[in-house]
Amino acid sequence: MTQTNCLKVLASLPPHLFLSQIYTANQDIRVVYKLNCIVCFTGAHYMVLLRAKVPGGQNRLWTLYNDDDPPKRFKDFKEVS
């Protein structure tokens, strides 16, 4: 998987995951999980997309850590693509 393809996959994911839409169970699942980190291996190196507070900041930002480039920050998950 190339870096471009990996970013396309990341951008297609929703920021909130509703397990009841993914898995079926005997009981109703009402838990919402927030996506905070994604690790992607492109075949040559790893990329990590992490949602965390940055030093001196109030908000949690998405940061892309890539072996080939300096960290890149995004205000929200929609900007990742």
N, C-alpha and C. Protein backbone atom coordinates (compact mmCIF):
# COMPACT_ATOMS: atom_id res chain seq x y z
N MET A 1 0.85 -1.18 0.00
CA MET A 1 0.00 0.00 0.00
C MET A 1 0.89 1.23 0.00
N THR A 2 0.62 2.16 -0.89
CA THR A 2 1.42 3.39 -0.95
C THR A 2 0.91 4.38 0.07
N GLN A 3 1.70 5.43 0.31
CA GLN A 3 1.29 6.46 1.27
C GLN A 3 -0.02 7.11 0.83
N THR A 4 -0.18 7.39 -0.46
CA THR A 4 -1.41 8.01 -0.96
C THR A 4 -2.61 7.11 -0.71
N ASN A 5 -2.48 5.81 -0.99
CA ASN A 5 -3.59 4.88 -0.76
C ASN A 5 -3.91 4.78 0.72
N CYS A 6 -2.88 4.76 1.55
CA CYS A 6 -3.10 4.69 2.99
C CYS A 6 -3.88 5.91 3.47
N LEU A 7 -3.53 7.09 3.00
CA LEU A 7 -4.24 8.30 3.40
C LEU A 7 -5.69 8.29 2.90
N LYS A 8 -5.93 7.72 1.73
CA LYS A 8 -7.30 7.62 1.22
C LYS A 8 -8.14 6.71 2.12
N VAL A 9 -7.55 5.60 2.56
CA VAL A 9 -8.26 4.69 3.46
C VAL A 9 -8.54 5.40 4.78
N LEU A 10 -7.55 6.09 5.33
CA LEU A 10 -7.73 6.81 6.58
C LEU A 10 -8.83 7.86 6.46
N ALA A 11 -8.83 8.58 5.36
CA ALA A 11 -9.83 9.63 5.16
C ALA A 11 -11.24 9.06 5.00
N SER A 12 -11.36 7.81 4.59
CA SER A 12 -12.68 7.21 4.40
C SER A 12 -13.30 6.74 5.71
N LEU A 13 -12.50 6.65 6.77
CA LEU A 13 -13.02 6.19 8.05
C LEU A 13 -13.75 7.31 8.78
N PRO A 14 -14.83 6.98 9.47
CA PRO A 14 -15.53 8.00 10.24
C PRO A 14 -14.79 8.27 11.55
N PRO A 15 -14.93 9.48 12.11
CA PRO A 15 -14.27 9.78 13.39
C PRO A 15 -14.92 9.09 14.58
N HIS A 16 -16.16 8.61 14.42
CA HIS A 16 -16.85 7.87 15.49
C HIS A 16 -17.26 6.52 14.93
N LEU A 17 -17.02 5.48 15.71
CA LEU A 17 -17.39 4.13 15.28
C LEU A 17 -18.54 3.63 16.14
N PHE A 18 -19.62 3.20 15.50
CA PHE A 18 -20.77 2.65 16.19
C PHE A 18 -20.72 1.14 16.01
N LEU A 19 -20.38 0.42 17.07
CA LEU A 19 -20.19 -1.02 16.96
C LEU A 19 -21.45 -1.74 16.50
N SER A 20 -22.62 -1.22 16.81
CA SER A 20 -23.86 -1.88 16.40
C SER A 20 -24.02 -1.86 14.88
N GLN A 21 -23.30 -0.97 14.18
CA GLN A 21 -23.35 -0.95 12.72
C GLN A 21 -22.33 -1.90 12.11
N ILE A 22 -21.39 -2.39 12.92
CA ILE A 22 -20.34 -3.27 12.42
C ILE A 22 -20.59 -4.72 12.82
N TYR A 23 -20.97 -4.93 14.08
CA TYR A 23 -21.15 -6.27 14.62
C TYR A 23 -22.60 -6.51 15.01
N THR A 24 -23.00 -7.76 14.90
CA THR A 24 -24.32 -8.13 15.40
C THR A 24 -24.13 -8.87 16.72
N ALA A 25 -25.06 -8.65 17.63
CA ALA A 25 -24.99 -9.31 18.94
C ALA A 25 -26.40 -9.55 19.44
N ASN A 26 -26.53 -10.35 20.47
CA ASN A 26 -27.83 -10.63 21.04
C ASN A 26 -28.44 -9.42 21.72
N GLN A 27 -27.61 -8.54 22.20
CA GLN A 27 -28.13 -7.35 22.86
C GLN A 27 -27.72 -6.10 22.09
N ASP A 28 -28.47 -5.06 22.29
CA ASP A 28 -28.21 -3.80 21.60
C ASP A 28 -26.93 -3.16 22.15
N ILE A 29 -26.01 -2.84 21.27
CA ILE A 29 -24.75 -2.22 21.68
C ILE A 29 -24.88 -0.72 21.48
N ARG A 30 -24.79 0.04 22.56
CA ARG A 30 -24.94 1.49 22.47
C ARG A 30 -23.65 2.24 22.81
N VAL A 31 -22.56 1.56 22.81
CA VAL A 31 -21.28 2.18 23.15
C VAL A 31 -20.71 2.84 21.89
N VAL A 32 -20.19 4.05 22.03
CA VAL A 32 -19.55 4.76 20.94
C VAL A 32 -18.07 4.87 21.25
N TYR A 33 -17.24 4.44 20.30
CA TYR A 33 -15.80 4.55 20.45
C TYR A 33 -15.30 5.66 19.55
N LYS A 34 -14.42 6.49 20.07
CA LYS A 34 -13.83 7.56 19.27
C LYS A 34 -12.47 7.09 18.77
N LEU A 35 -12.26 7.29 17.49
CA LEU A 35 -11.01 6.91 16.87
C LEU A 35 -9.91 7.87 17.33
N ASN A 36 -8.80 7.34 17.87
CA ASN A 36 -7.71 8.18 18.36
C ASN A 36 -6.37 7.88 17.72
N CYS A 37 -6.23 6.73 17.09
CA CYS A 37 -4.94 6.38 16.50
C CYS A 37 -5.13 5.33 15.42
N ILE A 38 -4.36 5.46 14.36
CA ILE A 38 -4.33 4.47 13.29
C ILE A 38 -2.87 4.24 12.93
N VAL A 39 -2.47 2.98 12.82
CA VAL A 39 -1.12 2.62 12.38
C VAL A 39 -1.25 1.98 11.01
N CYS A 40 -0.44 2.43 10.08
CA CYS A 40 -0.50 1.92 8.71
C CYS A 40 0.91 1.52 8.26
N PHE A 41 1.05 0.32 7.73
CA PHE A 41 2.32 -0.14 7.18
C PHE A 41 2.20 -0.14 5.67
N THR A 42 3.04 0.62 4.98
CA THR A 42 2.93 0.77 3.54
C THR A 42 3.77 -0.23 2.77
N GLY A 43 4.45 -1.12 3.46
CA GLY A 43 5.32 -2.08 2.80
C GLY A 43 6.78 -1.67 2.88
N ALA A 44 7.02 -0.40 3.11
CA ALA A 44 8.39 0.11 3.22
C ALA A 44 8.63 0.74 4.59
N HIS A 45 7.59 1.32 5.14
CA HIS A 45 7.72 1.96 6.46
C HIS A 45 6.34 2.12 7.09
N TYR A 46 6.33 2.59 8.31
CA TYR A 46 5.09 2.79 9.05
C TYR A 46 4.68 4.26 9.01
N MET A 47 3.37 4.46 9.08
CA MET A 47 2.79 5.79 9.26
C MET A 47 1.82 5.67 10.43
N VAL A 48 1.77 6.70 11.26
CA VAL A 48 0.86 6.72 12.40
C VAL A 48 0.08 8.02 12.36
N LEU A 49 -1.22 7.90 12.48
CA LEU A 49 -2.09 9.07 12.60
C LEU A 49 -2.62 9.05 14.01
N LEU A 50 -2.28 10.07 14.79
CA LEU A 50 -2.57 10.10 16.22
C LEU A 50 -3.36 11.35 16.57
N ARG A 51 -4.40 11.18 17.37
CA ARG A 51 -5.19 12.32 17.85
C ARG A 51 -4.81 12.56 19.30
N ALA A 52 -4.18 13.71 19.58
CA ALA A 52 -3.72 14.01 20.93
C ALA A 52 -3.55 15.50 21.10
N LYS A 53 -3.48 15.92 22.37
CA LYS A 53 -3.19 17.32 22.66
C LYS A 53 -1.74 17.61 22.33
N VAL A 54 -1.52 18.77 21.76
CA VAL A 54 -0.15 19.19 21.47
C VAL A 54 0.32 20.09 22.60
N PRO A 55 1.62 20.13 22.87
CA PRO A 55 2.12 20.97 23.96
C PRO A 55 1.66 22.43 23.81
N GLY A 56 1.11 22.98 24.87
CA GLY A 56 0.65 24.36 24.87
C GLY A 56 -0.70 24.57 24.21
N GLY A 57 -1.33 23.50 23.74
CA GLY A 57 -2.61 23.63 23.04
C GLY A 57 -3.77 23.17 23.90
N GLN A 58 -4.94 23.66 23.56
CA GLN A 58 -6.16 23.29 24.28
C GLN A 58 -6.88 22.12 23.59
N ASN A 59 -6.85 22.12 22.26
CA ASN A 59 -7.59 21.13 21.48
C ASN A 59 -6.73 19.93 21.13
N ARG A 60 -7.40 18.82 20.87
CA ARG A 60 -6.69 17.62 20.39
C ARG A 60 -6.65 17.69 18.87
N LEU A 61 -5.47 17.55 18.32
CA LEU A 61 -5.28 17.62 16.87
C LEU A 61 -4.83 16.26 16.35
N TRP A 62 -5.15 16.00 15.09
CA TRP A 62 -4.64 14.82 14.41
C TRP A 62 -3.24 15.14 13.90
N THR A 63 -2.28 14.25 14.15
CA THR A 63 -0.92 14.43 13.68
C THR A 63 -0.50 13.18 12.93
N LEU A 64 0.04 13.38 11.73
CA LEU A 64 0.53 12.27 10.91
C LEU A 64 2.04 12.17 11.10
N TYR A 65 2.48 11.02 11.60
CA TYR A 65 3.90 10.74 11.74
C TYR A 65 4.28 9.77 10.64
N ASN A 66 5.23 10.19 9.80
CA ASN A 66 5.64 9.43 8.63
C ASN A 66 7.16 9.41 8.61
N ASP A 67 7.74 8.26 8.33
CA ASP A 67 9.20 8.15 8.30
C ASP A 67 9.86 9.14 7.34
N ASP A 68 9.18 9.47 6.26
CA ASP A 68 9.78 10.28 5.20
C ASP A 68 9.61 11.78 5.38
N ASP A 69 8.69 12.22 6.24
CA ASP A 69 8.36 13.64 6.36
C ASP A 69 8.29 14.06 7.82
N PRO A 70 8.43 15.37 8.08
CA PRO A 70 8.21 15.83 9.46
C PRO A 70 6.73 15.67 9.83
N PRO A 71 6.39 15.61 11.12
CA PRO A 71 4.98 15.47 11.52
C PRO A 71 4.11 16.57 10.90
N LYS A 72 2.92 16.17 10.49
CA LYS A 72 1.97 17.12 9.88
C LYS A 72 0.71 17.11 10.72
N ARG A 73 0.24 18.30 11.13
CA ARG A 73 -0.95 18.41 11.98
C ARG A 73 -2.18 18.81 11.17
N PHE A 74 -3.32 18.28 11.62
CA PHE A 74 -4.61 18.57 10.98
C PHE A 74 -5.59 19.03 12.06
N LYS A 75 -6.42 20.02 11.75
CA LYS A 75 -7.40 20.52 12.72
C LYS A 75 -8.49 19.49 13.01
N ASP A 76 -8.91 18.76 11.97
CA ASP A 76 -9.91 17.72 12.18
C ASP A 76 -9.65 16.57 11.22
N PHE A 77 -10.37 15.48 11.42
CA PHE A 77 -10.14 14.25 10.67
C PHE A 77 -10.42 14.42 9.18
N LYS A 78 -11.33 15.32 8.82
CA LYS A 78 -11.67 15.54 7.41
C LYS A 78 -10.50 16.08 6.61
N GLU A 79 -9.56 16.77 7.26
CA GLU A 79 -8.40 17.35 6.57
C GLU A 79 -7.33 16.33 6.24
N VAL A 80 -7.44 15.13 6.77
CA VAL A 80 -6.39 14.12 6.60
C VAL A 80 -6.16 13.79 5.12
N SER A 81 -7.23 13.71 4.34
CA SER A 81 -7.07 13.36 2.93
C SER A 81 -6.42 14.49 2.18
